[in-house]
PDB file of N, CA and C in Angstrom:
ATOM      1  N   MET A   1     -27.120   9.391  88.301  1.00  0.00           N
ATOM      2  CA  MET A   1     -26.101  10.270  87.789  1.00  0.00           C
ATOM      3  C   MET A   1     -25.560  11.135  88.928  1.00  0.00           C
ATOM      4  N   SER A   2     -24.267  11.098  89.137  1.00  0.00           N
ATOM      5  CA  SER A   2     -23.625  11.890  90.187  1.00  0.00           C
ATOM      6  C   SER A   2     -23.199  13.242  89.642  1.00  0.00           C
ATOM      7  N   LEU A   3     -23.362  14.254  90.473  1.00  0.00           N
ATOM      8  CA  LEU A   3     -22.945  15.607  90.130  1.00  0.00           C
ATOM      9  C   LEU A   3     -21.856  16.045  91.096  1.00  0.00           C
ATOM     10  N   PRO A   4     -20.878  16.811  90.622  1.00  0.00           N
ATOM     11  CA  PRO A   4     -19.807  17.260  91.515  1.00  0.00           C
ATOM     12  C   PRO A   4     -20.280  18.360  92.450  1.00  0.00           C
ATOM     13  N   VAL A   5     -19.693  18.379  93.636  1.00  0.00           N
ATOM     14  CA  VAL A   5     -19.955  19.450  94.598  1.00  0.00           C
ATOM     15  C   VAL A   5     -18.645  19.730  95.321  1.00  0.00           C
ATOM     16  N   THR A   6     -18.336  21.000  95.526  1.00  0.00           N
ATOM     17  CA  THR A   6     -17.093  21.376  96.200  1.00  0.00           C
ATOM     18  C   THR A   6     -17.360  22.446  97.254  1.00  0.00           C
ATOM     19  N   VAL A   7     -16.504  22.461  98.248  1.00  0.00           N
ATOM     20  CA  VAL A   7     -16.500  23.527  99.256  1.00  0.00           C
ATOM     21  C   VAL A   7     -15.045  23.888  99.532  1.00  0.00           C
ATOM     22  N   THR A   8     -14.830  25.117  99.913  1.00  0.00           N
ATOM     23  CA  THR A   8     -13.502  25.568 100.310  1.00  0.00           C
ATOM     24  C   THR A   8     -13.572  25.984 101.765  1.00  0.00           C
ATOM     25  N   VAL A   9     -12.731  25.375 102.582  1.00  0.00           N
ATOM     26  CA  VAL A   9     -12.699  25.652 104.010  1.00  0.00           C
ATOM     27  C   VAL A   9     -11.266  26.014 104.387  1.00  0.00           C
ATOM     28  N   LYS A  10     -11.095  27.207 104.918  1.00  0.00           N
ATOM     29  CA  LYS A  10      -9.765  27.689 105.306  1.00  0.00           C
ATOM     30  C   LYS A  10      -8.753  27.529 104.183  1.00  0.00           C
ATOM     31  N   GLY A  11      -9.184  27.852 102.968  1.00  0.00           N
ATOM     32  CA  GLY A  11      -8.300  27.807 101.821  1.00  0.00           C
ATOM     33  C   GLY A  11      -8.081  26.434 101.214  1.00  0.00           C
ATOM     34  N   LYS A  12      -8.666  25.408 101.796  1.00  0.00           N
ATOM     35  CA  LYS A  12      -8.503  24.057 101.264  1.00  0.00           C
ATOM     36  C   LYS A  12      -9.803  23.617 100.593  1.00  0.00           C
ATOM     37  N   LYS A  13      -9.678  23.103  99.385  1.00  0.00           N
ATOM     38  CA  LYS A  13     -10.842  22.694  98.610  1.00  0.00           C
ATOM     39  C   LYS A  13     -11.131  21.212  98.823  1.00  0.00           C
ATOM     40  N   TYR A  14     -12.393  20.905  99.088  1.00  0.00           N
ATOM     41  CA  TYR A  14     -12.848  19.530  99.265  1.00  0.00           C
ATOM     42  C   TYR A  14     -13.886  19.240  98.194  1.00  0.00           C
ATOM     43  N   ALA A  15     -13.797  18.086  97.568  1.00  0.00           N
ATOM     44  CA  ALA A  15     -14.707  17.722  96.483  1.00  0.00           C
ATOM     45  C   ALA A  15     -15.437  16.432  96.810  1.00  0.00           C
ATOM     46  N   GLY A  16     -16.692  16.412  96.499  1.00  0.00           N
ATOM     47  CA  GLY A  16     -17.514  15.224  96.659  1.00  0.00           C
ATOM     48  C   GLY A  16     -18.467  15.123  95.490  1.00  0.00           C
ATOM     49  N   GLU A  17     -19.464  14.289  95.644  1.00  0.00           N
ATOM     50  CA  GLU A  17     -20.480  14.107  94.618  1.00  0.00           C
ATOM     51  C   GLU A  17     -21.838  14.059  95.299  1.00  0.00           C
ATOM     52  N   TYR A  18     -22.873  14.418  94.532  1.00  0.00           N
ATOM     53  CA  TYR A  18     -24.218  14.246  95.061  1.00  0.00           C
ATOM     54  C   TYR A  18     -25.125  13.665  93.992  1.00  0.00           C
ATOM     55  N   GLN A  19     -26.176  13.008  94.461  1.00  0.00           N
ATOM     56  CA  GLN A  19     -27.173  12.396  93.592  1.00  0.00           C
ATOM     57  C   GLN A  19     -28.547  12.755  94.118  1.00  0.00           C
ATOM     58  N   ILE A  20     -29.462  12.941  93.204  1.00  0.00           N
ATOM     59  CA  ILE A  20     -30.864  13.108  93.575  1.00  0.00           C
ATOM     60  C   ILE A  20     -31.595  11.890  93.046  1.00  0.00           C
ATOM     61  N   GLU A  21     -32.179  11.145  93.969  1.00  0.00           N
ATOM     62  CA  GLU A  21     -32.923   9.930  93.636  1.00  0.00           C
ATOM     63  C   GLU A  21     -34.327  10.072  94.195  1.00  0.00           C
ATOM     64  N   GLY A  22     -35.260  10.396  93.337  1.00  0.00           N
ATOM     65  CA  GLY A  22     -36.631  10.609  93.801  1.00  0.00           C
ATOM     66  C   GLY A  22     -36.679  11.801  94.731  1.00  0.00           C
ATOM     67  N   SER A  23     -37.061  11.569  95.967  1.00  0.00           N
ATOM     68  CA  SER A  23     -37.158  12.662  96.934  1.00  0.00           C
ATOM     69  C   SER A  23     -35.960  12.722  97.873  1.00  0.00           C
ATOM     70  N   LEU A  24     -34.877  12.011  97.539  1.00  0.00           N
ATOM     71  CA  LEU A  24     -33.695  11.986  98.399  1.00  0.00           C
ATOM     72  C   LEU A  24     -32.492  12.627  97.717  1.00  0.00           C
ATOM     73  N   LEU A  25     -31.712  13.351  98.490  1.00  0.00           N
ATOM     74  CA  LEU A  25     -30.445  13.913  98.029  1.00  0.00           C
ATOM     75  C   LEU A  25     -29.344  13.249  98.848  1.00  0.00           C
ATOM     76  N   ARG A  26     -28.394  12.637  98.152  1.00  0.00           N
ATOM     77  CA  ARG A  26     -27.289  11.946  98.821  1.00  0.00           C
ATOM     78  C   ARG A  26     -25.977  12.599  98.423  1.00  0.00           C
ATOM     79  N   VAL A  27     -25.118  12.819  99.429  1.00  0.00           N
ATOM     80  CA  VAL A  27     -23.793  13.387  99.191  1.00  0.00           C
ATOM     81  C   VAL A  27     -22.760  12.348  99.602  1.00  0.00           C
ATOM     82  N   PHE A  28     -21.711  12.205  98.795  1.00  0.00           N
ATOM     83  CA  PHE A  28     -20.654  11.226  99.031  1.00  0.00           C
ATOM     84  C   PHE A  28     -19.315  11.946  99.124  1.00  0.00           C
ATOM     85  N   PHE A  29     -18.521  11.564 100.149  1.00  0.00           N
ATOM     86  CA  PHE A  29     -17.187  12.137 100.341  1.00  0.00           C
ATOM     87  C   PHE A  29     -16.337  11.132 101.105  1.00  0.00           C
ATOM     88  N   ASP A  30     -15.208  10.785 100.564  1.00  0.00           N
ATOM     89  CA  ASP A  30     -14.211   9.954 101.239  1.00  0.00           C
ATOM     90  C   ASP A  30     -14.805   8.675 101.837  1.00  0.00           C
ATOM     91  N   GLY A  31     -15.645   7.999 101.060  1.00  0.00           N
ATOM     92  CA  GLY A  31     -16.219   6.734 101.505  1.00  0.00           C
ATOM     93  C   GLY A  31     -17.405   6.861 102.442  1.00  0.00           C
ATOM     94  N   LYS A  32     -17.827   8.060 102.745  1.00  0.00           N
ATOM     95  CA  LYS A  32     -18.973   8.299 103.631  1.00  0.00           C
ATOM     96  C   LYS A  32     -20.086   8.947 102.819  1.00  0.00           C
ATOM     97  N   SER A  33     -21.305   8.892 103.343  1.00  0.00           N
ATOM     98  CA  SER A  33     -22.415   9.555 102.677  1.00  0.00           C
ATOM     99  C   SER A  33     -23.380  10.128 103.704  1.00  0.00           C
ATOM    100  N   LYS A  34     -24.163  11.078 103.249  1.00  0.00           N
ATOM    101  CA  LYS A  34     -25.178  11.711 104.083  1.00  0.00           C
ATOM    102  C   LYS A  34     -26.390  11.956 103.188  1.00  0.00           C
ATOM    103  N   THR A  35     -27.575  11.698 103.719  1.00  0.00           N
ATOM    104  CA  THR A  35     -28.804  11.780 102.943  1.00  0.00           C
ATOM    105  C   THR A  35     -29.794  12.716 103.613  1.00  0.00           C
ATOM    106  N   THR A  36     -30.542  13.447 102.795  1.00  0.00           N
ATOM    107  CA  THR A  36     -31.604  14.306 103.298  1.00  0.00           C
ATOM    108  C   THR A  36     -32.716  14.371 102.256  1.00  0.00           C
ATOM    109  N   SER A  37     -33.794  15.010 102.602  1.00  0.00           N
ATOM    110  CA  SER A  37     -34.905  15.208 101.679  1.00  0.00           C
ATOM    111  C   SER A  37     -34.479  16.182 100.579  1.00  0.00           C
ATOM    112  N   ALA A  38     -34.883  15.897  99.361  1.00  0.00           N
ATOM    113  CA  ALA A  38     -34.491  16.730  98.216  1.00  0.00           C
ATOM    114  C   ALA A  38     -35.607  17.686  97.827  1.00  0.00           C
ATOM    115  N   ASN A  39     -36.218  18.332  98.801  1.00  0.00           N
ATOM    116  CA  ASN A  39     -37.326  19.229  98.499  1.00  0.00           C
ATOM    117  C   ASN A  39     -36.907  20.694  98.415  1.00  0.00           C
ATOM    118  N   SER A  40     -35.624  20.957  98.351  1.00  0.00           N
ATOM    119  CA  SER A  40     -35.116  22.318  98.277  1.00  0.00           C
ATOM    120  C   SER A  40     -35.152  22.828  96.840  1.00  0.00           C
ATOM    121  N   ALA A  41     -35.338  24.139  96.694  1.00  0.00           N
ATOM    122  CA  ALA A  41     -35.283  24.764  95.366  1.00  0.00           C
ATOM    123  C   ALA A  41     -33.849  24.829  94.854  1.00  0.00           C
ATOM    124  N   ASN A  42     -32.868  24.663  95.765  1.00  0.00           N
ATOM    125  CA  ASN A  42     -31.465  24.750  95.381  1.00  0.00           C
ATOM    126  C   ASN A  42     -30.712  23.529  95.929  1.00  0.00           C
ATOM    127  N   PRO A  43     -30.794  22.390  95.243  1.00  0.00           N
ATOM    128  CA  PRO A  43     -30.170  21.177  95.772  1.00  0.00           C
ATOM    129  C   PRO A  43     -28.646  21.273  95.876  1.00  0.00           C
ATOM    130  N   GLU A  44     -27.998  22.054  95.018  1.00  0.00           N
ATOM    131  CA  GLU A  44     -26.540  22.177  95.116  1.00  0.00           C
ATOM    132  C   GLU A  44     -26.136  22.853  96.427  1.00  0.00           C
ATOM    133  N   PHE A  45     -26.902  23.835  96.865  1.00  0.00           N
ATOM    134  CA  PHE A  45     -26.626  24.501  98.144  1.00  0.00           C
ATOM    135  C   PHE A  45     -26.736  23.500  99.294  1.00  0.00           C
ATOM    136  N   VAL A  46     -27.799  22.704  99.291  1.00  0.00           N
ATOM    137  CA  VAL A  46     -27.985  21.691 100.338  1.00  0.00           C
ATOM    138  C   VAL A  46     -26.852  20.673 100.277  1.00  0.00           C
ATOM    139  N   ALA A  47     -26.446  20.291  99.074  1.00  0.00           N
ATOM    140  CA  ALA A  47     -25.348  19.338  98.917  1.00  0.00           C
ATOM    141  C   ALA A  47     -24.058  19.908  99.499  1.00  0.00           C
ATOM    142  N   ARG A  48     -23.820  21.197  99.321  1.00  0.00           N
ATOM    143  CA  ARG A  48     -22.620  21.824  99.883  1.00  0.00           C
ATOM    144  C   ARG A  48     -22.651  21.790 101.410  1.00  0.00           C
ATOM    145  N   LEU A  49     -23.817  22.055 101.993  1.00  0.00           N
ATOM    146  CA  LEU A  49     -23.938  21.983 103.456  1.00  0.00           C
ATOM    147  C   LEU A  49     -23.656  20.571 103.966  1.00  0.00           C
ATOM    148  N   LEU A  50     -24.205  19.577 103.284  1.00  0.00           N
ATOM    149  CA  LEU A  50     -23.963  18.194 103.697  1.00  0.00           C
ATOM    150  C   LEU A  50     -22.501  17.811 103.516  1.00  0.00           C
ATOM    151  N   LEU A  51     -21.861  18.333 102.466  1.00  0.00           N
ATOM    152  CA  LEU A  51     -20.440  18.060 102.258  1.00  0.00           C
ATOM    153  C   LEU A  51     -19.619  18.628 103.406  1.00  0.00           C
ATOM    154  N   ILE A  52     -19.955  19.810 103.880  1.00  0.00           N
ATOM    155  CA  ILE A  52     -19.248  20.388 105.032  1.00  0.00           C
ATOM    156  C   ILE A  52     -19.397  19.469 106.241  1.00  0.00           C
ATOM    157  N   GLU A  53     -20.604  18.954 106.478  1.00  0.00           N
ATOM    158  CA  GLU A  53     -20.807  18.027 107.598  1.00  0.00           C
ATOM    159  C   GLU A  53     -19.962  16.769 107.439  1.00  0.00           C
ATOM    160  N   LEU A  54     -19.891  16.247 106.214  1.00  0.00           N
ATOM    161  CA  LEU A  54     -19.083  15.047 105.980  1.00  0.00           C
ATOM    162  C   LEU A  54     -17.597  15.315 106.162  1.00  0.00           C
ATOM    163  N   VAL A  55     -17.125  16.454 105.711  1.00  0.00           N
ATOM    164  CA  VAL A  55     -15.707  16.806 105.904  1.00  0.00           C
ATOM    165  C   VAL A  55     -15.404  16.836 107.397  1.00  0.00           C
ATOM    166  N   CYS A  56     -16.283  17.444 108.177  1.00  0.00           N
ATOM    167  CA  CYS A  56     -16.079  17.492 109.633  1.00  0.00           C
ATOM    168  C   CYS A  56     -16.093  16.090 110.234  1.00  0.00           C
ATOM    169  N   ARG A  57     -16.971  15.227 109.759  1.00  0.00           N
ATOM    170  CA  ARG A  57     -17.045  13.859 110.277  1.00  0.00           C
ATOM    171  C   ARG A  57     -15.772  13.085 109.941  1.00  0.00           C
ATOM    172  N   VAL A  58     -15.295  13.213 108.731  1.00  0.00           N
ATOM    173  CA  VAL A  58     -14.103  12.479 108.303  1.00  0.00           C
ATOM    174  C   VAL A  58     -12.884  12.920 109.103  1.00  0.00           C
ATOM    175  N   TYR A  59     -12.765  14.210 109.365  1.00  0.00           N
ATOM    176  CA  TYR A  59     -11.600  14.716 110.091  1.00  0.00           C
ATOM    177  C   TYR A  59     -11.839  14.828 111.588  1.00  0.00           C
ATOM    178  N   ARG A  60     -13.023  14.428 112.054  1.00  0.00           N
ATOM    179  CA  ARG A  60     -13.399  14.334 113.470  1.00  0.00           C
ATOM    180  C   ARG A  60     -13.269  15.626 114.262  1.00  0.00           C
ATOM    181  N   SER A  61     -13.152  16.725 113.558  1.00  0.00           N
ATOM    182  CA  SER A  61     -13.183  18.029 114.218  1.00  0.00           C
ATOM    183  C   SER A  61     -13.562  19.043 113.171  1.00  0.00           C
ATOM    184  N   SER A  62     -14.018  20.151 113.603  1.00  0.00           N
ATOM    185  CA  SER A  62     -14.405  21.191 112.663  1.00  0.00           C
ATOM    186  C   SER A  62     -13.179  21.785 111.982  1.00  0.00           C
ATOM    187  N   PRO A  63     -13.175  21.845 110.648  1.00  0.00           N
ATOM    188  CA  PRO A  63     -12.038  22.437 109.954  1.00  0.00           C
ATOM    189  C   PRO A  63     -12.071  23.951 109.989  1.00  0.00           C
ATOM    190  N   PHE A  64     -13.076  24.528 110.661  1.00  0.00           N
ATOM    191  CA  PHE A  64     -13.204  25.989 110.685  1.00  0.00           C
ATOM    192  C   PHE A  64     -12.299  26.584 111.687  1.00  0.00           C
TER     193      PHE A  64
END
């Protein structure tokens, strides 16, 4: 089951999805994904951080 996750960077909103599968948290954005351990008490926060990394990867520079 995918859950929505969003971040706003410089006034622009980016939306992705995340899934928790066992001990893994996966974030998906624009055909890319990033995975980490899902041992956080706040998986949505971790998903937002990973979404920021994916946004930067997709646009090949920091949007900040």
